Amino acid sequence: MSVIDAFLDALWLEQGASDHTLAAYRRDLTAWQSHLEGHGEALLAPPPERLAEWLASRREQGYQLRSNARLLSTLRSFYRWGRLNNQVESDPLTDIKLPRVIPGLPNTLEEDEVERLLMAPDTDTPLGVRDRAMLELLYACGLRVSELVGLTGDAVNLRQNVVRVRGKGDKDRLVPMGEEAADWIAHYMETARLALMSDPTRPALFPGRGDKAMTRQTFWHRIKVHAITAGITRPLSPHTLRHAFATHLLNHGANLRVVQLLLGHSDLSTTQIYTHVAQARLESLHAEHHPRG
């Protein structure tokens, strides 16, 4: 087993890191190892100046500050683990500082845009009912797309209108759906799901091909199709409705801690980015409507 594999196994066992996180760590470490080997150097004993030189060359190649910060965070974790497990004698990153990344405001949608997007699917068809139910649930619960497509039928409780979501690190959380989303999920499960699946006893709540769970890429494609129908021209991301969920809750007076729990953020600081969005919205409303704005 390579030292990179051993490190990733430790991340999975000790921290419950997701497949997506492990894949990102592997890409970073493999790229760093290849760079070192190109200079005849080893992953476990890089010269102190090599990383600074590599980061500078990456910036010249157009890599963003955020990308280098993530890379450096990966390497810090790797060499910290290496010291604890006697793989390296000293941490070669001791004098390297993390670039300071100022978080950007997440791209979101206004409430009327969300309404148009939710109504875009053709609900006279099973696929349209499925997509409407997925969009309603995504916005009502603030889910990540990976959480949405990973839902199973038994994760939804229509008696209590809650959904059990498995988030990062395989941590479960219960999120209320709201009546509108619950009604669409119930309608979908009673009609369209049965029409779309050859074997409705299969676990996937939202099937793609072959009764298997829909992929993130497929659902993201569906969102873009419906955005065109809704006349939404601003750039979207897979997290757009999640951002809208958090922003609209805060705009309507929700407590930041409650939003953190609903989103499944382990650290409140991650959620605080949305306070900037809400503050910007309040300033815009003040400027537009206040007589002395």
C-alpha atoms as a PDB file:
ATOM      1  CA  MET A   1       0.000   0.000   0.000  1.00  0.00           C
ATOM      2  CA  SER A   2       1.352   3.425  -0.933  1.00  0.00           C
ATOM      3  CA  VAL A   3       1.719   6.131   1.681  1.00  0.00           C
ATOM      4  CA  ILE A   4      -1.016   8.151  -0.070  1.00  0.00           C
ATOM      5  CA  ASP A   5      -3.405   5.180   0.158  1.00  0.00           C
ATOM      6  CA  ALA A   6      -2.552   4.767   3.853  1.00  0.00           C
ATOM      7  CA  PHE A   7      -3.284   8.447   4.502  1.00  0.00           C
ATOM      8  CA  LEU A   8      -6.609   8.309   2.656  1.00  0.00           C
ATOM      9  CA  ASP A   9      -7.614   5.155   4.531  1.00  0.00           C
ATOM     10  CA  ALA A  10      -6.898   6.974   7.803  1.00  0.00           C
ATOM     11  CA  LEU A  11      -9.044   9.927   6.683  1.00  0.00           C
ATOM     12  CA  TRP A  12     -11.911   7.591   5.871  1.00  0.00           C
ATOM     13  CA  LEU A  13     -11.630   5.581   9.099  1.00  0.00           C
ATOM     14  CA  GLU A  14     -11.011   8.445  11.525  1.00  0.00           C
ATOM     15  CA  GLN A  15     -12.978  11.308   9.992  1.00  0.00           C
ATOM     16  CA  GLY A  16     -15.524   9.582   7.786  1.00  0.00           C
ATOM     17  CA  ALA A  17     -14.332  11.563   4.769  1.00  0.00           C
ATOM     18  CA  SER A  18     -16.623  11.251   1.734  1.00  0.00           C
ATOM     19  CA  ASP A  19     -15.596   9.723  -1.591  1.00  0.00           C
ATOM     20  CA  HIS A  20     -15.620  13.212  -3.115  1.00  0.00           C
ATOM     21  CA  THR A  21     -13.223  14.532  -0.434  1.00  0.00           C
ATOM     22  CA  LEU A  22     -10.930  11.533  -0.729  1.00  0.00           C
ATOM     23  CA  ALA A  23     -10.787  11.900  -4.513  1.00  0.00           C
ATOM     24  CA  ALA A  24      -9.833  15.591  -4.170  1.00  0.00           C
ATOM     25  CA  TYR A  25      -7.091  14.754  -1.647  1.00  0.00           C
ATOM     26  CA  ARG A  26      -5.765  12.033  -3.951  1.00  0.00           C
ATOM     27  CA  ARG A  27      -5.625  14.424  -6.929  1.00  0.00           C
ATOM     28  CA  ASP A  28      -3.697  17.024  -4.929  1.00  0.00           C
ATOM     29  CA  LEU A  29      -1.222  14.550  -3.454  1.00  0.00           C
ATOM     30  CA  THR A  30      -0.638  12.765  -6.754  1.00  0.00           C
ATOM     31  CA  ALA A  31       0.022  16.077  -8.513  1.00  0.00           C
ATOM     32  CA  TRP A  32       2.467  17.102  -5.777  1.00  0.00           C
ATOM     33  CA  GLN A  33       4.218  13.717  -5.910  1.00  0.00           C
ATOM     34  CA  SER A  34       4.567  13.935  -9.708  1.00  0.00           C
ATOM     35  CA  HIS A  35       6.035  17.424  -9.419  1.00  0.00           C
ATOM     36  CA  LEU A  36       8.595  16.221  -6.880  1.00  0.00           C
ATOM     37  CA  GLU A  37       9.524  13.136  -8.884  1.00  0.00           C
ATOM     38  CA  GLY A  38      10.129  15.403 -11.887  1.00  0.00           C
ATOM     39  CA  HIS A  39      12.914  16.968  -9.829  1.00  0.00           C
ATOM     40  CA  GLY A  40      14.217  13.627  -8.581  1.00  0.00           C
ATOM     41  CA  GLU A  41      12.740  14.214  -5.113  1.00  0.00           C
ATOM     42  CA  ALA A  42      10.561  12.130  -2.799  1.00  0.00           C
ATOM     43  CA  LEU A  43       7.082  12.824  -1.448  1.00  0.00           C
ATOM     44  CA  LEU A  44       8.162  12.189   2.142  1.00  0.00           C
ATOM     45  CA  ALA A  45      11.265  14.410   1.992  1.00  0.00           C
ATOM     46  CA  PRO A  46      10.642  17.466  -0.201  1.00  0.00           C
ATOM     47  CA  PRO A  47      13.088  20.378   0.045  1.00  0.00           C
ATOM     48  CA  PRO A  48      11.471  23.353   1.836  1.00  0.00           C
ATOM     49  CA  GLU A  49      11.755  25.660  -1.181  1.00  0.00           C
ATOM     50  CA  ARG A  50      10.050  23.280  -3.610  1.00  0.00           C
ATOM     51  CA  LEU A  51       6.474  23.976  -2.527  1.00  0.00           C
ATOM     52  CA  ALA A  52       6.812  27.746  -2.679  1.00  0.00           C
ATOM     53  CA  GLU A  53       8.251  27.417  -6.175  1.00  0.00           C
ATOM     54  CA  TRP A  54       5.403  25.105  -7.253  1.00  0.00           C
ATOM     55  CA  LEU A  55       2.694  27.372  -5.860  1.00  0.00           C
ATOM     56  CA  ALA A  56       4.234  30.320  -7.716  1.00  0.00           C
ATOM     57  CA  SER A  57       4.295  28.353 -10.984  1.00  0.00           C
ATOM     58  CA  ARG A  58       0.657  27.330 -10.473  1.00  0.00           C
ATOM     59  CA  ARG A  59      -0.321  30.987 -10.056  1.00  0.00           C
ATOM     60  CA  GLU A  60       1.446  31.770 -13.343  1.00  0.00           C
ATOM     61  CA  GLN A  61      -0.554  28.969 -14.977  1.00  0.00           C
ATOM     62  CA  GLY A  62      -3.790  30.631 -13.879  1.00  0.00           C
ATOM     63  CA  TYR A  63      -4.691  28.635 -10.775  1.00  0.00           C
ATOM     64  CA  GLN A  64      -6.782  30.721  -8.398  1.00  0.00           C
ATOM     65  CA  LEU A  65      -5.778  31.601  -4.850  1.00  0.00           C
ATOM     66  CA  ARG A  66      -8.580  29.403  -3.517  1.00  0.00           C
ATOM     67  CA  SER A  67      -7.233  26.404  -5.438  1.00  0.00           C
ATOM     68  CA  ASN A  68      -3.740  26.838  -3.994  1.00  0.00           C
ATOM     69  CA  ALA A  69      -5.177  27.303  -0.513  1.00  0.00           C
ATOM     70  CA  ARG A  70      -7.065  24.021  -0.819  1.00  0.00           C
ATOM     71  CA  LEU A  71      -3.944  22.281  -2.115  1.00  0.00           C
ATOM     72  CA  LEU A  72      -1.860  23.578   0.755  1.00  0.00           C
ATOM     73  CA  SER A  73      -4.507  22.481   3.252  1.00  0.00           C
ATOM     74  CA  THR A  74      -4.341  18.956   1.784  1.00  0.00           C
ATOM     75  CA  LEU A  75      -0.549  18.857   2.091  1.00  0.00           C
ATOM     76  CA  ARG A  76      -0.677  20.161   5.669  1.00  0.00           C
ATOM     77  CA  SER A  77      -3.050  17.360   6.637  1.00  0.00           C
ATOM     78  CA  PHE A  78      -0.870  14.781   4.886  1.00  0.00           C
ATOM     79  CA  TYR A  79       2.399  15.819   6.520  1.00  0.00           C
ATOM     80  CA  ARG A  80       0.763  16.251   9.917  1.00  0.00           C
ATOM     81  CA  TRP A  81      -0.476  12.673   9.616  1.00  0.00           C
ATOM     82  CA  GLY A  82       2.999  11.638   8.428  1.00  0.00           C
ATOM     83  CA  ARG A  83       4.652  13.029  11.531  1.00  0.00           C
ATOM     84  CA  LEU A  84       2.165  11.385  13.864  1.00  0.00           C
ATOM     85  CA  ASN A  85       2.715   8.047  12.132  1.00  0.00           C
ATOM     86  CA  ASN A  86       6.507   8.318  11.820  1.00  0.00           C
ATOM     87  CA  GLN A  87       6.413   8.595   8.037  1.00  0.00           C
ATOM     88  CA  VAL A  88       8.325  11.895   7.983  1.00  0.00           C
ATOM     89  CA  GLU A  89      10.914  13.293  10.373  1.00  0.00           C
ATOM     90  CA  SER A  90       9.768  16.903  10.163  1.00  0.00           C
ATOM     91  CA  ASP A  91       6.986  18.913   8.584  1.00  0.00           C
ATOM     92  CA  PRO A  92       8.337  20.531   5.380  1.00  0.00           C
ATOM     93  CA  LEU A  93       5.508  23.089   5.427  1.00  0.00           C
ATOM     94  CA  THR A  94       6.369  24.671   8.772  1.00  0.00           C
ATOM     95  CA  ASP A  95       7.278  28.047   7.279  1.00  0.00           C
ATOM     96  CA  ILE A  96       4.629  28.053   4.541  1.00  0.00           C
ATOM     97  CA  LYS A  97       1.579  30.182   5.305  1.00  0.00           C
ATOM     98  CA  LEU A  98      -1.885  29.476   3.950  1.00  0.00           C
ATOM     99  CA  PRO A  99      -3.013  32.089   1.441  1.00  0.00           C
ATOM    100  CA  ARG A 100      -5.748  34.242   2.906  1.00  0.00           C
ATOM    101  CA  VAL A 101      -8.898  33.590   0.933  1.00  0.00           C
ATOM    102  CA  ILE A 102     -11.737  36.075   1.211  1.00  0.00           C
ATOM    103  CA  PRO A 103     -14.921  34.096   0.681  1.00  0.00           C
ATOM    104  CA  GLY A 104     -17.043  35.237  -2.219  1.00  0.00           C
ATOM    105  CA  LEU A 105     -20.754  35.730  -1.875  1.00  0.00           C
ATOM    106  CA  PRO A 106     -22.596  32.647  -3.096  1.00  0.00           C
ATOM    107  CA  ASN A 107     -24.600  32.991  -6.278  1.00  0.00           C
ATOM    108  CA  THR A 108     -28.272  32.765  -5.421  1.00  0.00           C
ATOM    109  CA  LEU A 109     -31.737  33.483  -6.814  1.00  0.00           C
ATOM    110  CA  GLU A 110     -34.451  35.947  -5.886  1.00  0.00           C
ATOM    111  CA  GLU A 111     -37.662  34.448  -4.528  1.00  0.00           C
ATOM    112  CA  ASP A 112     -39.613  35.094  -7.713  1.00  0.00           C
ATOM    113  CA  GLU A 113     -36.887  33.380  -9.745  1.00  0.00           C
ATOM    114  CA  VAL A 114     -37.066  30.336  -7.496  1.00  0.00           C
ATOM    115  CA  GLU A 115     -40.830  30.275  -7.967  1.00  0.00           C
ATOM    116  CA  ARG A 116     -40.432  30.326 -11.762  1.00  0.00           C
ATOM    117  CA  LEU A 117     -37.820  27.566 -11.626  1.00  0.00           C
ATOM    118  CA  LEU A 118     -40.019  25.351  -9.451  1.00  0.00           C
ATOM    119  CA  MET A 119     -42.918  25.743 -11.859  1.00  0.00           C
ATOM    120  CA  ALA A 120     -40.861  25.103 -15.005  1.00  0.00           C
ATOM    121  CA  PRO A 121     -41.177  21.276 -15.248  1.00  0.00           C
ATOM    122  CA  ASP A 122     -44.107  19.912 -17.271  1.00  0.00           C
ATOM    123  CA  THR A 123     -46.052  18.156 -14.537  1.00  0.00           C
ATOM    124  CA  ASP A 124     -48.328  16.430 -17.049  1.00  0.00           C
ATOM    125  CA  THR A 125     -45.482  13.939 -17.557  1.00  0.00           C
ATOM    126  CA  PRO A 126     -43.874  11.508 -15.067  1.00  0.00           C
ATOM    127  CA  LEU A 127     -40.443  13.071 -15.675  1.00  0.00           C
ATOM    128  CA  GLY A 128     -41.861  16.519 -15.024  1.00  0.00           C
ATOM    129  CA  VAL A 129     -43.487  15.400 -11.769  1.00  0.00           C
ATOM    130  CA  ARG A 130     -40.188  13.826 -10.699  1.00  0.00           C
ATOM    131  CA  ASP A 131     -38.242  16.993 -11.484  1.00  0.00           C
ATOM    132  CA  ARG A 132     -40.804  19.233  -9.748  1.00  0.00           C
ATOM    133  CA  ALA A 133     -40.663  17.047  -6.631  1.00  0.00           C
ATOM    134  CA  MET A 134     -36.847  17.138  -6.663  1.00  0.00           C
ATOM    135  CA  LEU A 135     -36.681  20.909  -7.085  1.00  0.00           C
ATOM    136  CA  GLU A 136     -39.274  21.471  -4.351  1.00  0.00           C
ATOM    137  CA  LEU A 137     -37.377  19.222  -1.964  1.00  0.00           C
ATOM    138  CA  LEU A 138     -34.003  20.742  -2.834  1.00  0.00           C
ATOM    139  CA  TYR A 139     -35.238  24.260  -2.089  1.00  0.00           C
ATOM    140  CA  ALA A 140     -37.441  23.358   0.881  1.00  0.00           C
ATOM    141  CA  CYS A 141     -34.642  21.529   2.692  1.00  0.00           C
ATOM    142  CA  GLY A 142     -31.494  23.273   1.440  1.00  0.00           C
ATOM    143  CA  LEU A 143     -29.972  19.972   0.359  1.00  0.00           C
ATOM    144  CA  ARG A 144     -26.747  19.418  -1.493  1.00  0.00           C
ATOM    145  CA  VAL A 145     -27.401  17.855  -4.896  1.00  0.00           C
ATOM    146  CA  SER A 146     -25.457  14.751  -3.820  1.00  0.00           C
ATOM    147  CA  GLU A 147     -27.730  14.455  -0.770  1.00  0.00           C
ATOM    148  CA  LEU A 148     -30.839  14.790  -2.914  1.00  0.00           C
ATOM    149  CA  VAL A 149     -29.958  12.138  -5.494  1.00  0.00           C
ATOM    150  CA  GLY A 150     -28.739   9.824  -2.735  1.00  0.00           C
ATOM    151  CA  LEU A 151     -32.099   9.747  -0.944  1.00  0.00           C
ATOM    152  CA  THR A 152     -33.891   6.434  -0.577  1.00  0.00           C
ATOM    153  CA  GLY A 153     -37.635   5.927  -0.327  1.00  0.00           C
ATOM    154  CA  ASP A 154     -37.510   5.159   3.389  1.00  0.00           C
ATOM    155  CA  ALA A 155     -35.705   8.460   4.115  1.00  0.00           C
ATOM    156  CA  VAL A 156     -38.961  10.390   3.637  1.00  0.00           C
ATOM    157  CA  ASN A 157     -41.524  10.520   6.438  1.00  0.00           C
ATOM    158  CA  LEU A 158     -44.750  11.966   5.040  1.00  0.00           C
ATOM    159  CA  ARG A 159     -46.571  11.653   8.357  1.00  0.00           C
ATOM    160  CA  GLN A 160     -44.223  14.110  10.032  1.00  0.00           C
ATOM    161  CA  ASN A 161     -43.081  15.894   6.854  1.00  0.00           C
ATOM    162  CA  VAL A 162     -39.376  15.339   7.507  1.00  0.00           C
ATOM    163  CA  VAL A 163     -36.594  13.827   5.456  1.00  0.00           C
ATOM    164  CA  ARG A 164     -33.564  11.991   6.820  1.00  0.00           C
ATOM    165  CA  VAL A 165     -30.497  13.285   5.010  1.00  0.00           C
ATOM    166  CA  ARG A 166     -27.076  11.685   4.976  1.00  0.00           C
ATOM    167  CA  GLY A 167     -24.550  14.502   4.672  1.00  0.00           C
ATOM    168  CA  LYS A 168     -20.797  14.864   4.713  1.00  0.00           C
ATOM    169  CA  GLY A 169     -18.939  12.378   6.871  1.00  0.00           C
ATOM    170  CA  ASP A 170     -21.975  10.068   6.699  1.00  0.00           C
ATOM    171  CA  LYS A 171     -23.703  12.195   9.329  1.00  0.00           C
ATOM    172  CA  ASP A 172     -27.500  12.023   9.345  1.00  0.00           C
ATOM    173  CA  ARG A 173     -29.788  14.961  10.023  1.00  0.00           C
ATOM    174  CA  LEU A 174     -33.562  15.375  10.006  1.00  0.00           C
ATOM    175  CA  VAL A 175     -34.840  18.303   7.950  1.00  0.00           C
ATOM    176  CA  PRO A 176     -38.482  19.491   7.786  1.00  0.00           C
ATOM    177  CA  MET A 177     -39.925  19.573   4.266  1.00  0.00           C
ATOM    178  CA  GLY A 178     -42.821  21.985   4.476  1.00  0.00           C
ATOM    179  CA  GLU A 179     -46.288  21.259   3.128  1.00  0.00           C
ATOM    180  CA  GLU A 180     -45.665  22.192  -0.510  1.00  0.00           C
ATOM    181  CA  ALA A 181     -42.642  19.941  -0.888  1.00  0.00           C
ATOM    182  CA  ALA A 182     -44.331  17.129   1.062  1.00  0.00           C
ATOM    183  CA  ASP A 183     -47.387  17.321  -1.222  1.00  0.00           C
ATOM    184  CA  TRP A 184     -45.233  17.051  -4.341  1.00  0.00           C
ATOM    185  CA  ILE A 185     -43.210  14.172  -2.900  1.00  0.00           C
ATOM    186  CA  ALA A 186     -46.416  12.329  -2.005  1.00  0.00           C
ATOM    187  CA  HIS A 187     -47.845  12.939  -5.479  1.00  0.00           C
ATOM    188  CA  TYR A 188     -44.603  11.785  -7.094  1.00  0.00           C
ATOM    189  CA  MET A 189     -44.366   8.601  -5.016  1.00  0.00           C
ATOM    190  CA  GLU A 190     -47.990   7.686  -5.730  1.00  0.00           C
ATOM    191  CA  THR A 191     -47.775   8.287  -9.491  1.00  0.00           C
ATOM    192  CA  ALA A 192     -44.589   9.171 -11.363  1.00  0.00           C
ATOM    193  CA  ARG A 193     -42.151   7.013  -9.403  1.00  0.00           C
ATOM    194  CA  LEU A 194     -44.235   3.930 -10.141  1.00  0.00           C
ATOM    195  CA  ALA A 195     -44.327   4.876 -13.831  1.00  0.00           C
ATOM    196  CA  LEU A 196     -40.594   5.536 -14.068  1.00  0.00           C
ATOM    197  CA  MET A 197     -39.327   2.404 -12.299  1.00  0.00           C
ATOM    198  CA  SER A 198     -39.545  -1.146 -13.584  1.00  0.00           C
ATOM    199  CA  ASP A 199     -39.031  -2.316  -9.985  1.00  0.00           C
ATOM    200  CA  PRO A 200     -40.418   0.264  -7.508  1.00  0.00           C
ATOM    201  CA  THR A 201     -39.098  -1.806  -4.577  1.00  0.00           C
ATOM    202  CA  ARG A 202     -35.576  -0.613  -5.459  1.00  0.00           C
ATOM    203  CA  PRO A 203     -34.294   1.865  -2.844  1.00  0.00           C
ATOM    204  CA  ALA A 204     -33.584   4.969  -4.967  1.00  0.00           C
ATOM    205  CA  LEU A 205     -36.174   7.667  -4.354  1.00  0.00           C
ATOM    206  CA  PHE A 206     -35.325   9.473  -7.591  1.00  0.00           C
ATOM    207  CA  PRO A 207     -34.295   7.005 -10.303  1.00  0.00           C
ATOM    208  CA  GLY A 208     -32.165   7.672 -13.328  1.00  0.00           C
ATOM    209  CA  ARG A 209     -31.431   4.783 -15.644  1.00  0.00           C
ATOM    210  CA  GLY A 210     -32.001   1.168 -14.717  1.00  0.00           C
ATOM    211  CA  ASP A 211     -33.830   2.013 -11.477  1.00  0.00           C
ATOM    212  CA  LYS A 212     -30.532   3.258 -10.017  1.00  0.00           C
ATOM    213  CA  ALA A 213     -30.240   6.588  -8.235  1.00  0.00           C
ATOM    214  CA  MET A 214     -29.964   9.558 -10.551  1.00  0.00           C
ATOM    215  CA  THR A 215     -26.463  10.971 -10.882  1.00  0.00           C
ATOM    216  CA  ARG A 216     -25.576  14.489  -9.790  1.00  0.00           C
ATOM    217  CA  GLN A 217     -24.596  15.322 -13.358  1.00  0.00           C
ATOM    218  CA  THR A 218     -27.993  14.267 -14.714  1.00  0.00           C
ATOM    219  CA  PHE A 219     -29.910  16.336 -12.191  1.00  0.00           C
ATOM    220  CA  TRP A 220     -27.660  19.350 -12.774  1.00  0.00           C
ATOM    221  CA  HIS A 221     -28.447  19.057 -16.491  1.00  0.00           C
ATOM    222  CA  ARG A 222     -32.170  18.977 -15.642  1.00  0.00           C
ATOM    223  CA  ILE A 223     -31.833  22.160 -13.552  1.00  0.00           C
ATOM    224  CA  LYS A 224     -30.199  24.000 -16.452  1.00  0.00           C
ATOM    225  CA  VAL A 225     -32.955  22.874 -18.833  1.00  0.00           C
ATOM    226  CA  HIS A 226     -35.652  24.117 -16.467  1.00  0.00           C
ATOM    227  CA  ALA A 227     -33.782  27.392 -15.852  1.00  0.00           C
ATOM    228  CA  ILE A 228     -33.978  28.119 -19.581  1.00  0.00           C
ATOM    229  CA  THR A 229     -37.719  27.412 -19.527  1.00  0.00           C
ATOM    230  CA  ALA A 230     -38.082  29.739 -16.526  1.00  0.00           C
ATOM    231  CA  GLY A 231     -36.230  32.526 -18.318  1.00  0.00           C
ATOM    232  CA  ILE A 232     -33.400  32.607 -15.763  1.00  0.00           C
ATOM    233  CA  THR A 233     -30.274  33.978 -17.436  1.00  0.00           C
ATOM    234  CA  ARG A 234     -27.974  34.521 -14.467  1.00  0.00           C
ATOM    235  CA  PRO A 235     -25.210  31.920 -13.883  1.00  0.00           C
ATOM    236  CA  LEU A 236     -26.292  28.927 -11.815  1.00  0.00           C
ATOM    237  CA  SER A 237     -24.345  26.353  -9.846  1.00  0.00           C
ATOM    238  CA  PRO A 238     -25.366  22.981  -8.384  1.00  0.00           C
ATOM    239  CA  HIS A 239     -25.630  24.768  -5.019  1.00  0.00           C
ATOM    240  CA  THR A 240     -27.815  27.643  -6.252  1.00  0.00           C
ATOM    241  CA  LEU A 241     -31.050  26.465  -4.616  1.00  0.00           C
ATOM    242  CA  ARG A 242     -29.171  25.556  -1.424  1.00  0.00           C
ATOM    243  CA  HIS A 243     -27.803  29.102  -1.317  1.00  0.00           C
ATOM    244  CA  ALA A 244     -31.284  30.473  -1.996  1.00  0.00           C
ATOM    245  CA  PHE A 245     -32.724  28.350   0.826  1.00  0.00           C
ATOM    246  CA  ALA A 246     -30.254  29.760   3.357  1.00  0.00           C
ATOM    247  CA  THR A 247     -30.424  33.338   2.125  1.00  0.00           C
ATOM    248  CA  HIS A 248     -34.218  33.471   2.032  1.00  0.00           C
ATOM    249  CA  LEU A 249     -34.489  31.980   5.535  1.00  0.00           C
ATOM    250  CA  LEU A 250     -32.170  34.669   6.908  1.00  0.00           C
ATOM    251  CA  ASN A 251     -33.980  37.385   4.955  1.00  0.00           C
ATOM    252  CA  HIS A 252     -37.191  36.303   6.698  1.00  0.00           C
ATOM    253  CA  GLY A 253     -35.626  36.402  10.148  1.00  0.00           C
ATOM    254  CA  ALA A 254     -34.328  32.870  10.755  1.00  0.00           C
ATOM    255  CA  ASN A 255     -31.641  32.338  13.385  1.00  0.00           C
ATOM    256  CA  LEU A 256     -28.173  31.625  11.963  1.00  0.00           C
ATOM    257  CA  ARG A 257     -27.723  28.618  14.245  1.00  0.00           C
ATOM    258  CA  VAL A 258     -30.971  27.102  12.945  1.00  0.00           C
ATOM    259  CA  VAL A 259     -29.806  27.592   9.353  1.00  0.00           C
ATOM    260  CA  GLN A 260     -26.509  25.912  10.256  1.00  0.00           C
ATOM    261  CA  LEU A 261     -28.328  22.850  11.588  1.00  0.00           C
ATOM    262  CA  LEU A 262     -30.621  22.650   8.571  1.00  0.00           C
ATOM    263  CA  LEU A 263     -27.699  22.886   6.142  1.00  0.00           C
ATOM    264  CA  GLY A 264     -25.672  20.311   8.055  1.00  0.00           C
ATOM    265  CA  HIS A 265     -22.660  22.593   8.531  1.00  0.00           C
ATOM    266  CA  SER A 266     -20.348  21.362  11.280  1.00  0.00           C
ATOM    267  CA  ASP A 267     -18.932  24.857  11.844  1.00  0.00           C
ATOM    268  CA  LEU A 268     -21.021  28.006  12.252  1.00  0.00           C
ATOM    269  CA  SER A 269     -18.353  30.024  10.418  1.00  0.00           C
ATOM    270  CA  THR A 270     -19.264  28.155   7.218  1.00  0.00           C
ATOM    271  CA  THR A 271     -22.849  29.357   7.535  1.00  0.00           C
ATOM    272  CA  GLN A 272     -21.883  32.962   8.281  1.00  0.00           C
ATOM    273  CA  ILE A 273     -21.206  33.669   4.606  1.00  0.00           C
ATOM    274  CA  TYR A 274     -24.981  33.877   4.177  1.00  0.00           C
ATOM    275  CA  THR A 275     -25.224  36.749   6.635  1.00  0.00           C
ATOM    276  CA  HIS A 276     -23.306  38.831   4.084  1.00  0.00           C
ATOM    277  CA  VAL A 277     -25.887  37.961   1.437  1.00  0.00           C
ATOM    278  CA  ALA A 278     -28.755  38.839   3.768  1.00  0.00           C
ATOM    279  CA  GLN A 279     -27.027  42.086   4.784  1.00  0.00           C
ATOM    280  CA  ALA A 280     -26.508  43.028   1.148  1.00  0.00           C
ATOM    281  CA  ARG A 281     -30.191  42.375   0.493  1.00  0.00           C
ATOM    282  CA  LEU A 282     -31.227  44.559   3.454  1.00  0.00           C
ATOM    283  CA  GLU A 283     -28.985  47.386   2.278  1.00  0.00           C
ATOM    284  CA  SER A 284     -30.470  47.143  -1.213  1.00  0.00           C
ATOM    285  CA  LEU A 285     -34.027  47.272   0.152  1.00  0.00           C
ATOM    286  CA  HIS A 286     -33.140  50.217   2.385  1.00  0.00           C
ATOM    287  CA  ALA A 287     -31.623  52.144  -0.510  1.00  0.00           C
ATOM    288  CA  GLU A 288     -34.619  51.418  -2.716  1.00  0.00           C
ATOM    289  CA  HIS A 289     -37.467  52.107  -0.296  1.00  0.00           C
ATOM    290  CA  HIS A 290     -36.241  54.441   2.452  1.00  0.00           C
ATOM    291  CA  PRO A 291     -37.026  58.118   1.753  1.00  0.00           C
ATOM    292  CA  ARG A 292     -33.451  59.030   2.645  1.00  0.00           C
ATOM    293  CA  GLY A 293     -31.871  55.867   1.188  1.00  0.00           C
END
